[in-house]
Amino acid sequence: MRKLLLTIFALSTLQVAWSQDRGHQGNSVPDTVASTEIMLSPRRLAEYGSLFSTRSGTMRTNYLSAASREDSDMIRVLGGNPDSIDTPLEIALLANTVGVINVRPVEVAERADAILPANNQRLVDLTLGANLFQENQVLRFLADTNAVGRYEGMLKFITDKGNVTRCEVESFYRNGISGLVSQLVDEQVSRSSARINSQTLSAIKNVITDFMLAPSRTTYNALLQAYRRYAGDGAIVLARTIMEVNYDIADALTSDRSLGHATVSGTTFP
């Protein structure tokens, strides 16, 4: 499945106030997380991945050699070429395994830690877990059963480390997705100098957030109706924001297609 996570977008890290009780053993979330919700945008994730990748987008050999075969084999099949670590999410996941963390040059480590701090693996697991959960929700809607199984396996791998629970990952995602969508929409408006009134802008953000919280035929149809309704700048901003998240969904919108269970592909994005 083609994902916009494979493309080169660059946005800043979104930070929104968040507080969540861990709900087990009476422990609370550390202050570094309790006061901040950090969701990596596609561009920020790509920026992180570029620190560990070649110009062609695959992970550098020295980092691959430092990772365990088990970790590499589990991660490489998530997306892109199943024989290589070649998407920003795959690279970020492998870059945060013990072997790779231990061989990072100081300058790479400093830049990487500014995005995902290796000394706070709970925060790393929440953040990357939220990215996995986001992608998995859309894959489930598109009925890509094989991919869903791979992403579920990776989510289990993260939660089995013991830093976070599945419930915490999902809460982290749901508490942060509205703010991330708002940021992505605002960036698109600024980048394209679109003229959209505040009411329409709010409606676009809401309909995208509703879909991202619960991808379904109902929420997708609401997206499609909004795309049809907001001609011109509104439609472009809506579709380009969705494309930041998933190519197939944006492709269906710009093709004016309803979605049921089949994936879609192959149309020119405006």
Protein backbone atom coordinates (compact mmCIF):
# COMPACT_ATOMS: atom_id res chain seq x y z
CA MET A 1 0.00 0.00 0.00
CA ARG A 2 1.35 3.37 -0.94
CA LYS A 3 1.48 5.67 2.06
CA LEU A 4 2.29 9.31 2.30
CA LEU A 5 4.67 8.31 5.02
CA LEU A 6 6.89 7.26 2.10
CA THR A 7 6.92 10.78 0.69
CA ILE A 8 8.96 13.80 1.68
CA PHE A 9 6.82 16.12 3.79
CA ALA A 10 8.38 18.14 6.61
CA LEU A 11 6.28 19.46 9.52
CA SER A 12 7.20 20.21 13.09
CA THR A 13 6.36 18.07 16.11
CA LEU A 14 2.90 18.68 17.48
CA GLN A 15 2.67 19.24 21.22
CA VAL A 16 -0.69 19.30 23.04
CA ALA A 17 -1.41 19.12 26.75
CA TRP A 18 -2.09 15.58 27.89
CA SER A 19 -2.54 13.77 31.16
CA GLN A 20 -3.38 10.12 31.45
CA ASP A 21 -3.29 7.75 34.40
CA ARG A 22 -1.43 4.55 33.52
CA GLY A 23 -4.12 2.50 35.20
CA HIS A 24 -1.83 -0.23 36.57
CA GLN A 25 0.17 -0.62 39.80
CA GLY A 26 -0.87 2.87 40.81
CA ASN A 27 1.82 4.46 38.64
CA SER A 28 1.30 7.72 36.84
CA VAL A 29 2.78 8.76 33.50
CA PRO A 30 6.18 10.47 33.92
CA ASP A 31 6.12 14.27 33.82
CA THR A 32 7.90 14.32 30.45
CA VAL A 33 4.83 12.71 28.95
CA ALA A 34 2.06 13.85 31.28
CA SER A 35 2.44 17.49 30.28
CA THR A 36 2.98 16.90 26.58
CA GLU A 37 1.32 14.95 23.81
CA ILE A 38 3.73 14.46 20.96
CA MET A 39 2.43 13.10 17.67
CA LEU A 40 4.93 12.90 14.86
CA SER A 41 3.64 14.33 11.61
CA PRO A 42 4.61 12.57 8.37
CA ARG A 43 7.24 15.22 7.66
CA ARG A 44 8.77 15.04 11.12
CA LEU A 45 8.90 11.25 10.88
CA ALA A 46 10.59 11.54 7.48
CA GLU A 47 13.10 14.00 8.95
CA TYR A 48 13.93 11.51 11.69
CA GLY A 49 14.27 8.65 9.22
CA SER A 50 16.62 10.66 7.02
CA LEU A 51 19.20 10.67 9.84
CA PHE A 52 19.63 6.92 9.45
CA SER A 53 19.04 6.44 5.72
CA THR A 54 20.84 6.69 2.41
CA ARG A 55 19.84 9.09 -0.35
CA SER A 56 17.70 6.33 -1.85
CA GLY A 57 15.69 6.11 1.39
CA THR A 58 16.94 2.77 2.71
CA MET A 59 18.52 2.37 6.12
CA ARG A 60 22.30 2.67 6.19
CA THR A 61 24.25 -0.58 6.33
CA ASN A 62 26.09 0.23 9.56
CA TYR A 63 22.79 0.56 11.41
CA LEU A 64 21.31 -2.54 9.81
CA SER A 65 24.38 -4.52 10.87
CA ALA A 66 23.94 -3.37 14.47
CA ALA A 67 20.30 -4.46 14.66
CA SER A 68 19.23 -7.98 15.48
CA ARG A 69 17.99 -10.17 12.65
CA GLU A 70 14.75 -10.77 14.54
CA ASP A 71 14.01 -7.03 14.83
CA SER A 72 14.91 -6.36 11.20
CA ASP A 73 12.75 -9.20 9.89
CA MET A 74 9.72 -8.06 11.87
CA ILE A 75 10.00 -4.41 10.85
CA ARG A 76 11.01 -4.64 7.18
CA VAL A 77 7.66 -6.12 6.06
CA LEU A 78 5.48 -3.28 7.35
CA GLY A 79 5.56 -1.27 4.12
CA GLY A 80 7.58 -0.39 1.05
CA ASN A 81 9.92 -3.13 -0.16
CA PRO A 82 9.47 -6.18 2.10
CA ASP A 83 13.16 -7.01 1.67
CA SER A 84 14.50 -3.72 3.05
CA ILE A 85 14.05 -1.13 5.78
CA ASP A 86 12.92 1.71 3.54
CA THR A 87 10.06 3.74 5.01
CA PRO A 88 10.39 6.47 7.66
CA LEU A 89 8.32 4.45 10.13
CA GLU A 90 10.35 1.28 9.59
CA ILE A 91 13.59 3.23 9.98
CA ALA A 92 12.38 4.96 13.15
CA LEU A 93 11.33 1.65 14.67
CA LEU A 94 14.64 -0.07 13.95
CA ALA A 95 16.65 3.01 14.95
CA ASN A 96 15.18 2.67 18.43
CA THR A 97 16.27 -0.90 19.02
CA VAL A 98 19.15 -1.43 21.44
CA GLY A 99 21.76 -2.41 18.86
CA VAL A 100 21.24 0.68 16.72
CA ILE A 101 21.01 3.10 19.64
CA ASN A 102 24.43 1.91 20.81
CA VAL A 103 26.23 2.70 17.53
CA ARG A 104 24.79 6.12 16.68
CA PRO A 105 27.45 8.81 16.21
CA VAL A 106 27.14 11.69 18.66
CA GLU A 107 25.96 14.19 16.04
CA VAL A 108 23.26 11.79 14.76
CA ALA A 109 22.18 10.92 18.29
CA GLU A 110 21.77 14.59 19.23
CA ARG A 111 19.61 15.37 16.21
CA ALA A 112 17.60 12.17 16.60
CA ASP A 113 17.03 12.70 20.31
CA ALA A 114 15.58 16.15 19.60
CA ILE A 115 12.73 14.31 17.85
CA LEU A 116 12.57 10.96 19.67
CA PRO A 117 14.73 10.90 22.83
CA ALA A 118 16.39 7.49 23.10
CA ASN A 119 16.73 7.92 26.87
CA ASN A 120 12.93 8.03 27.20
CA GLN A 121 11.80 4.77 25.66
CA ARG A 122 8.32 5.14 27.14
CA LEU A 123 7.82 8.31 25.12
CA VAL A 124 9.36 6.68 22.04
CA ASP A 125 7.05 3.68 22.36
CA LEU A 126 3.98 5.89 22.82
CA THR A 127 4.90 7.99 19.81
CA LEU A 128 5.80 5.21 17.39
CA GLY A 129 2.95 3.09 18.74
CA ALA A 130 0.55 5.92 17.88
CA ASN A 131 1.94 6.05 14.33
CA LEU A 132 1.48 2.31 13.99
CA PHE A 133 -2.03 2.50 15.39
CA GLN A 134 -2.96 5.31 13.00
CA GLU A 135 -1.80 3.37 9.96
CA ASN A 136 -3.38 0.17 11.20
CA GLN A 137 -6.79 1.81 11.59
CA VAL A 138 -6.80 2.86 7.95
CA LEU A 139 -5.49 -0.54 6.82
CA ARG A 140 -8.31 -2.20 8.71
CA PHE A 141 -10.85 0.05 6.99
CA LEU A 142 -9.30 -0.82 3.62
CA ALA A 143 -9.55 -4.52 4.59
CA ASP A 144 -5.84 -5.15 4.01
CA THR A 145 -5.86 -8.18 6.30
CA ASN A 146 -2.23 -9.16 5.77
CA ALA A 147 -0.95 -5.69 6.53
CA VAL A 148 -3.19 -5.40 9.60
CA GLY A 149 -1.65 -8.60 10.94
CA ARG A 150 1.87 -7.23 10.47
CA TYR A 151 1.04 -3.95 12.18
CA GLU A 152 -0.69 -5.73 15.05
CA GLY A 153 2.43 -7.84 15.49
CA MET A 154 4.60 -4.72 15.65
CA LEU A 155 2.27 -3.06 18.16
CA LYS A 156 2.49 -6.17 20.31
CA PHE A 157 6.28 -6.06 20.03
CA ILE A 158 6.22 -2.50 21.38
CA THR A 159 3.81 -3.17 24.24
CA ASP A 160 5.60 -6.40 25.20
CA LYS A 161 8.67 -4.31 26.08
CA GLY A 162 6.68 -3.19 29.12
CA ASN A 163 7.02 0.58 28.77
CA VAL A 164 3.44 1.16 27.60
CA THR A 165 0.18 -0.72 27.29
CA ARG A 166 -2.00 -0.99 24.20
CA CYS A 167 -4.63 1.10 25.98
CA GLU A 168 -2.09 3.87 26.60
CA VAL A 169 -0.99 3.89 22.97
CA GLU A 170 -4.58 4.22 21.78
CA SER A 171 -5.32 6.96 24.31
CA PHE A 172 -2.16 8.81 23.30
CA TYR A 173 -3.27 8.68 19.67
CA ARG A 174 -6.87 9.71 20.30
CA ASN A 175 -5.85 12.57 22.58
CA GLY A 176 -3.44 13.94 19.99
CA ILE A 177 -4.98 13.34 16.57
CA SER A 178 -7.28 16.37 16.63
CA GLY A 179 -4.38 18.73 17.26
CA LEU A 180 -2.26 17.03 14.60
CA VAL A 181 -5.02 17.30 12.01
CA SER A 182 -5.47 20.98 12.89
CA GLN A 183 -1.75 21.57 12.38
CA LEU A 184 -1.66 19.70 9.07
CA VAL A 185 -4.66 21.64 7.72
CA ASP A 186 -3.19 24.97 8.82
CA GLU A 187 0.11 24.09 7.14
CA GLN A 188 -1.69 23.27 3.90
CA VAL A 189 -3.59 26.56 3.99
CA SER A 190 -0.39 28.50 4.61
CA ARG A 191 1.58 26.62 1.97
CA SER A 192 -1.05 27.13 -0.74
CA SER A 193 -2.21 30.62 0.33
CA ALA A 194 -5.74 29.22 0.23
CA ARG A 195 -8.66 31.49 1.00
CA ILE A 196 -11.00 29.60 3.33
CA ASN A 197 -13.35 31.12 5.89
CA SER A 198 -13.06 30.05 9.53
CA GLN A 199 -16.32 28.08 9.52
CA THR A 200 -15.28 25.99 6.52
CA LEU A 201 -11.78 25.52 7.95
CA SER A 202 -13.23 24.22 11.21
CA ALA A 203 -15.58 21.87 9.35
CA ILE A 204 -12.67 20.47 7.29
CA LYS A 205 -10.66 19.80 10.44
CA ASN A 206 -13.61 18.12 12.12
CA VAL A 207 -14.47 15.81 9.24
CA ILE A 208 -10.84 14.68 8.88
CA THR A 209 -10.50 14.16 12.63
CA ASP A 210 -13.70 12.09 12.73
CA PHE A 211 -12.31 9.82 10.01
CA MET A 212 -8.92 9.48 11.69
CA LEU A 213 -10.53 8.61 15.02
CA ALA A 214 -12.78 5.94 13.52
CA PRO A 215 -12.19 5.09 9.83
CA SER A 216 -15.42 3.60 8.48
CA ARG A 217 -17.69 3.80 5.48
CA THR A 218 -19.72 6.45 7.31
CA THR A 219 -16.79 8.71 8.18
CA TYR A 220 -15.22 8.21 4.76
CA ASN A 221 -18.49 9.16 3.03
CA ALA A 222 -18.57 12.30 5.17
CA LEU A 223 -15.07 13.08 3.87
CA LEU A 224 -16.18 12.46 0.30
CA GLN A 225 -19.25 14.68 0.68
CA ALA A 226 -17.09 17.44 2.16
CA TYR A 227 -14.63 17.15 -0.73
CA ARG A 228 -17.51 17.51 -3.19
CA ARG A 229 -19.02 20.39 -1.24
CA TYR A 230 -15.90 22.50 -0.69
CA ALA A 231 -14.91 23.22 -4.25
CA GLY A 232 -11.67 24.98 -5.03
CA ASP A 233 -9.30 25.74 -2.16
CA GLY A 234 -11.35 23.89 0.45
CA ALA A 235 -11.32 20.63 -1.51
CA ILE A 236 -7.60 20.91 -2.26
CA VAL A 237 -6.68 21.53 1.37
CA LEU A 238 -8.87 18.66 2.55
CA ALA A 239 -7.44 16.17 0.04
CA ARG A 240 -3.82 17.22 0.55
CA THR A 241 -4.19 16.91 4.31
CA ILE A 242 -5.58 13.40 3.92
CA MET A 243 -2.72 12.60 1.56
CA GLU A 244 -0.33 13.45 4.40
CA VAL A 245 -1.85 10.47 6.19
CA ASN A 246 -2.68 7.91 3.50
CA TYR A 247 -2.33 7.94 -0.29
CA ASP A 248 -5.10 5.46 -1.00
CA ILE A 249 -7.72 7.48 0.87
CA ALA A 250 -6.67 10.72 -0.84
CA ASP A 251 -6.65 8.91 -4.17
CA ALA A 252 -10.24 7.77 -3.66
CA LEU A 253 -11.34 11.28 -2.71
CA THR A 254 -9.78 12.93 -5.74
CA SER A 255 -11.23 10.20 -7.95
CA ASP A 256 -14.67 10.90 -6.44
CA ARG A 257 -15.02 7.24 -5.47
CA SER A 258 -16.92 5.60 -2.67
CA LEU A 259 -15.01 3.06 -0.61
CA GLY A 260 -16.28 -0.17 0.78
CA HIS A 261 -13.76 -2.92 1.35
CA ALA A 262 -11.41 -2.75 -1.64
CA THR A 263 -8.23 -0.67 -1.78
CA VAL A 264 -7.85 1.91 -4.52
CA SER A 265 -4.94 3.26 -6.50
CA GLY A 266 -3.69 5.20 -9.46
CA THR A 267 -5.08 8.65 -10.04
CA THR A 268 -3.37 12.01 -10.38
CA PHE A 269 -3.49 14.15 -7.27
CA PRO A 270 -4.43 17.78 -7.90
